[in-house]
Amino acid sequence: MTHLLHLDASARPGLAGKDEHGSHSRHLSQRFVSQWLSRRPQDGVTYRDIGQNPPSFVNHDWIASAFTPEERQEPWMKDALAESDTLVDELVATDVLVIGTPLYNFGMPAALKAWIDQVVRLNRTVGMDESNPLDPYVPMLAERERHAIILAARGGLGFDPGGEMAHMNHLEPNLATALGFIGISRIHQIAIEGQEIGGELLAASVAKAQHQVDALVAELQAELEGAAPAFAHQKQAELICEVAR
């Protein structure tokens, strides 16, 4: 059985097209998960609405505890890491990570950054090889293949790779770097653009992104079931980077 971890990071609780001021990223992420389960109802899903219930920010106690060997941790240190332990356990158990997130001021929402800071953790998701000082980091989640699906919504245009605003997009590149650092390297990206413009441009972007979501679900499930050709992932990765402009 495949297990999905579904995160929504938007500050907007509703869904675009259904609720006033609803979230486009939530709409995409819920579409992905519902499409997945419609074809594989036996699979499991853990859902976290971090946009409405953000993880705690890393503080002094967290840092002191996380960098203390487990055998030397005091009871208060274990308490300080309890939330992180829960979030890490959820991620470790995951095969497909689905992240619905808006682009806020050229980067990720604070709630999503807080989640990243809780799960990128020494001796839980990243190890240290002291014999290799030039590259000491060991991604601990690379022991098996995991996928990360980044479903984003942007107000402007041209933030995709090669676009005029790509150099100002620190959302997907940041997420891909952090997730790759801990061993999640199969990254898939789909985005809606043009929220601030609206009208036909936004509608076309939404329609294209929804089509890409459906195609990605079908391809990943075919690959999971051994029916996809070896080169399918590369072709899909190229396709989903061509987000509506």
Protein backbone atom coordinates (compact mmCIF):
# COMPACT_ATOMS: atom_id res chain seq x y z
CA MET A 1 0.00 0.00 0.00
CA THR A 2 1.25 3.46 -0.92
CA HIS A 3 1.00 6.22 1.67
CA LEU A 4 0.49 9.91 0.89
CA LEU A 5 1.31 12.87 3.13
CA HIS A 6 -0.84 15.83 2.08
CA LEU A 7 0.16 19.32 3.25
CA ASP A 8 -1.73 22.56 2.57
CA ALA A 9 0.20 25.73 3.37
CA SER A 10 -2.13 28.48 2.14
CA ALA A 11 -3.43 31.02 4.64
CA ARG A 12 -6.74 30.84 2.77
CA PRO A 13 -8.94 28.05 4.18
CA GLY A 14 -11.36 27.76 1.26
CA LEU A 15 -11.09 26.40 -2.26
CA ALA A 16 -10.81 28.55 -5.37
CA GLY A 17 -13.88 28.24 -7.55
CA LYS A 18 -15.99 27.25 -4.57
CA ASP A 19 -15.35 29.76 -1.78
CA GLU A 20 -14.87 33.52 -1.92
CA HIS A 21 -11.14 34.26 -1.86
CA GLY A 22 -10.50 30.52 -1.93
CA SER A 23 -7.07 28.97 -2.41
CA HIS A 24 -5.87 27.73 -5.80
CA SER A 25 -3.06 25.67 -4.27
CA ARG A 26 -5.53 23.87 -1.98
CA HIS A 27 -7.73 23.20 -4.98
CA LEU A 28 -4.82 21.59 -6.84
CA SER A 29 -3.61 19.51 -3.90
CA GLN A 30 -7.10 18.23 -3.12
CA ARG A 31 -7.59 17.38 -6.78
CA PHE A 32 -4.35 15.38 -6.80
CA VAL A 33 -5.26 13.41 -3.68
CA SER A 34 -8.87 12.79 -4.72
CA GLN A 35 -7.78 11.63 -8.17
CA TRP A 36 -5.21 9.35 -6.58
CA LEU A 37 -7.69 7.77 -4.18
CA SER A 38 -10.36 7.38 -6.85
CA ARG A 39 -8.02 4.96 -8.62
CA ARG A 40 -6.29 3.49 -5.57
CA PRO A 41 -8.75 3.65 -2.65
CA GLN A 42 -6.64 1.19 -0.70
CA ASP A 43 -3.85 3.73 -0.25
CA GLY A 44 -3.52 5.76 2.93
CA VAL A 45 -3.40 9.54 3.43
CA THR A 46 -2.17 11.67 6.31
CA TYR A 47 -3.41 15.26 6.05
CA ARG A 48 -1.97 18.35 7.71
CA ASP A 49 -3.40 21.81 7.20
CA ILE A 50 -0.28 23.71 8.17
CA GLY A 51 -1.71 26.91 6.73
CA GLN A 52 -4.36 26.96 9.45
CA ASN A 53 -2.36 25.04 12.08
CA PRO A 54 1.29 25.94 11.51
CA PRO A 55 4.10 23.97 13.12
CA SER A 56 6.13 25.66 15.84
CA PHE A 57 9.12 27.74 14.89
CA VAL A 58 12.53 26.37 15.79
CA ASN A 59 13.76 27.99 19.02
CA HIS A 60 16.70 27.70 21.43
CA ASP A 61 15.34 24.62 23.20
CA TRP A 62 14.75 22.84 19.90
CA ILE A 63 18.29 23.54 18.68
CA ALA A 64 19.90 22.51 21.97
CA SER A 65 17.87 19.29 21.97
CA ALA A 66 18.28 18.35 18.31
CA PHE A 67 22.07 18.68 18.49
CA THR A 68 22.39 16.66 21.70
CA PRO A 69 22.97 12.90 21.20
CA GLU A 70 19.83 10.98 22.07
CA GLU A 71 21.47 9.06 24.91
CA ARG A 72 22.36 12.39 26.59
CA GLN A 73 19.02 14.12 26.12
CA GLU A 74 17.24 15.27 29.25
CA PRO A 75 13.45 14.87 29.60
CA TRP A 76 12.80 18.52 28.66
CA MET A 77 14.77 17.97 25.46
CA LYS A 78 12.58 15.07 24.43
CA ASP A 79 9.56 17.27 25.09
CA ALA A 80 11.06 20.03 22.95
CA LEU A 81 11.41 17.58 20.03
CA ALA A 82 8.05 15.84 20.42
CA GLU A 83 6.35 17.83 17.64
CA SER A 84 9.33 17.36 15.34
CA ASP A 85 9.34 13.62 16.05
CA THR A 86 5.69 13.38 15.00
CA LEU A 87 6.26 15.32 11.79
CA VAL A 88 9.40 13.36 10.93
CA ASP A 89 7.65 10.04 11.58
CA GLU A 90 4.87 11.07 9.20
CA LEU A 91 7.39 11.96 6.51
CA VAL A 92 9.44 8.78 6.95
CA ALA A 93 6.27 6.71 6.49
CA THR A 94 5.40 8.57 3.28
CA ASP A 95 5.79 7.42 -0.31
CA VAL A 96 4.24 10.47 -1.99
CA LEU A 97 4.48 13.92 -0.41
CA VAL A 98 1.86 16.33 -1.77
CA ILE A 99 2.43 20.02 -0.98
CA GLY A 100 -0.13 22.65 -1.87
CA THR A 101 1.47 26.06 -1.42
CA PRO A 102 1.17 29.64 -2.61
CA LEU A 103 4.14 31.80 -3.56
CA TYR A 104 4.33 34.53 -0.92
CA ASN A 105 6.76 37.38 -1.58
CA PHE A 106 8.95 35.21 -3.81
CA GLY A 107 9.23 32.31 -1.34
CA MET A 108 7.32 29.81 0.74
CA PRO A 109 4.79 30.71 3.45
CA ALA A 110 6.20 30.89 6.97
CA ALA A 111 4.12 27.87 7.97
CA LEU A 112 5.73 25.72 5.29
CA LYS A 113 9.21 26.95 6.22
CA ALA A 114 8.42 26.01 9.83
CA TRP A 115 7.50 22.48 8.68
CA ILE A 116 10.73 22.20 6.68
CA ASP A 117 12.74 23.30 9.72
CA GLN A 118 11.02 20.68 11.87
CA VAL A 119 11.70 17.77 9.50
CA VAL A 120 15.22 18.56 8.25
CA ARG A 121 16.86 17.20 11.37
CA LEU A 122 20.21 15.72 12.29
CA ASN A 123 20.15 11.97 12.88
CA ARG A 124 16.50 11.72 11.87
CA THR A 125 16.45 12.75 8.22
CA VAL A 126 20.07 13.73 7.58
CA GLY A 127 23.20 12.08 8.94
CA MET A 128 26.84 13.13 9.17
CA ASP A 129 29.83 11.27 7.74
CA GLU A 130 32.77 12.73 9.63
CA SER A 131 35.20 10.84 7.43
CA ASN A 132 34.19 13.05 4.49
CA PRO A 133 34.63 16.66 5.68
CA LEU A 134 34.10 18.13 2.20
CA ASP A 135 30.65 16.56 1.85
CA PRO A 136 29.65 15.15 5.23
CA TYR A 137 25.87 15.12 4.84
CA VAL A 138 24.06 11.80 4.33
CA PRO A 139 20.40 11.94 3.20
CA MET A 140 18.65 9.41 5.42
CA LEU A 141 15.44 9.25 3.39
CA ALA A 142 17.27 8.03 0.30
CA GLU A 143 16.96 4.41 1.43
CA ARG A 144 13.89 4.08 -0.81
CA GLU A 145 12.26 6.16 -3.51
CA ARG A 146 9.87 8.87 -2.46
CA HIS A 147 8.08 11.44 -4.62
CA ALA A 148 7.35 15.07 -3.76
CA ILE A 149 4.56 16.86 -5.63
CA ILE A 150 4.76 20.66 -5.37
CA LEU A 151 1.46 22.27 -6.39
CA ALA A 152 1.87 26.02 -6.33
CA ALA A 153 -0.20 29.14 -6.99
CA ARG A 154 1.34 32.45 -7.99
CA GLY A 155 -0.07 35.92 -8.43
CA GLY A 156 2.19 36.93 -11.30
CA LEU A 157 3.57 35.40 -14.47
CA GLY A 158 6.86 33.99 -15.71
CA PHE A 159 8.14 32.34 -12.54
CA ASP A 160 8.77 28.95 -14.19
CA PRO A 161 12.32 27.92 -15.18
CA GLY A 162 13.32 30.05 -18.14
CA GLY A 163 10.66 32.66 -17.41
CA GLU A 164 11.33 36.36 -17.01
CA MET A 165 10.70 36.19 -13.26
CA ALA A 166 12.34 32.80 -12.63
CA HIS A 167 15.28 34.39 -10.83
CA MET A 168 12.83 35.72 -8.23
CA ASN A 169 11.15 32.39 -7.55
CA HIS A 170 12.53 30.97 -4.32
CA LEU A 171 9.64 28.61 -3.62
CA GLU A 172 10.09 25.45 -5.68
CA PRO A 173 13.91 25.71 -5.82
CA ASN A 174 14.07 26.07 -2.03
CA LEU A 175 11.74 23.13 -1.46
CA ALA A 176 13.59 20.95 -3.96
CA THR A 177 16.91 21.74 -2.27
CA ALA A 178 15.64 21.00 1.24
CA LEU A 179 13.84 17.80 0.24
CA GLY A 180 16.78 16.60 -1.86
CA PHE A 181 19.08 17.26 1.08
CA ILE A 182 17.23 14.63 3.12
CA GLY A 183 16.87 12.17 0.23
CA ILE A 184 13.62 13.01 -1.58
CA SER A 185 14.83 13.61 -5.12
CA ARG A 186 11.83 12.73 -7.31
CA ILE A 187 10.34 16.23 -7.47
CA HIS A 188 7.31 17.10 -9.62
CA GLN A 189 6.13 20.70 -10.03
CA ILE A 190 2.86 22.13 -11.29
CA ALA A 191 1.75 25.73 -10.81
CA ILE A 192 -1.09 28.11 -11.49
CA GLU A 193 -0.11 31.65 -12.44
CA GLY A 194 -1.93 34.92 -13.00
CA GLN A 195 -4.09 35.18 -9.88
CA GLU A 196 -3.51 38.94 -9.74
CA ILE A 197 -4.54 39.26 -13.39
CA GLY A 198 -7.53 36.95 -13.36
CA GLY A 199 -9.91 36.58 -16.28
CA GLU A 200 -9.25 34.25 -19.18
CA LEU A 201 -5.52 34.07 -18.49
CA LEU A 202 -6.07 32.70 -15.00
CA ALA A 203 -8.84 30.37 -16.18
CA ALA A 204 -6.54 28.92 -18.85
CA SER A 205 -3.76 28.46 -16.30
CA VAL A 206 -6.10 26.69 -13.88
CA ALA A 207 -7.40 24.38 -16.61
CA LYS A 208 -3.90 23.49 -17.75
CA ALA A 209 -2.70 22.82 -14.21
CA GLN A 210 -5.70 20.59 -13.51
CA HIS A 211 -4.96 18.60 -16.67
CA GLN A 212 -1.33 18.27 -15.60
CA VAL A 213 -2.38 17.05 -12.16
CA ASP A 214 -4.58 14.35 -13.67
CA ALA A 215 -1.81 13.28 -16.06
CA LEU A 216 0.76 13.16 -13.27
CA VAL A 217 -1.48 11.01 -11.07
CA ALA A 218 -2.03 8.58 -13.93
CA GLU A 219 1.67 8.38 -14.74
CA LEU A 220 2.87 7.92 -11.17
CA GLN A 221 0.30 5.22 -10.54
CA ALA A 222 1.23 3.46 -13.77
CA GLU A 223 4.87 3.62 -12.76
CA LEU A 224 3.99 2.32 -9.32
CA GLU A 225 2.18 -0.60 -10.86
CA GLY A 226 5.08 -1.34 -13.21
CA ALA A 227 3.29 -0.25 -16.38
CA ALA A 228 5.22 2.92 -17.19
CA PRO A 229 8.23 2.89 -19.53
CA ALA A 230 11.58 3.75 -18.00
CA PHE A 231 11.73 7.14 -19.71
CA ALA A 232 8.22 8.23 -18.70
CA HIS A 233 9.32 10.14 -15.62
CA GLN A 234 11.75 12.27 -17.58
CA LYS A 235 9.13 13.12 -20.20
CA GLN A 236 6.54 14.00 -17.56
CA ALA A 237 9.06 16.15 -15.69
CA GLU A 238 9.62 18.10 -18.89
CA LEU A 239 5.89 18.48 -19.46
CA ILE A 240 4.94 19.68 -16.02
CA CYS A 241 7.58 22.37 -16.06
CA GLU A 242 5.70 23.97 -18.97
CA VAL A 243 3.13 25.57 -16.69
CA ALA A 244 0.58 27.98 -18.15
CA ARG A 245 1.97 31.43 -18.72
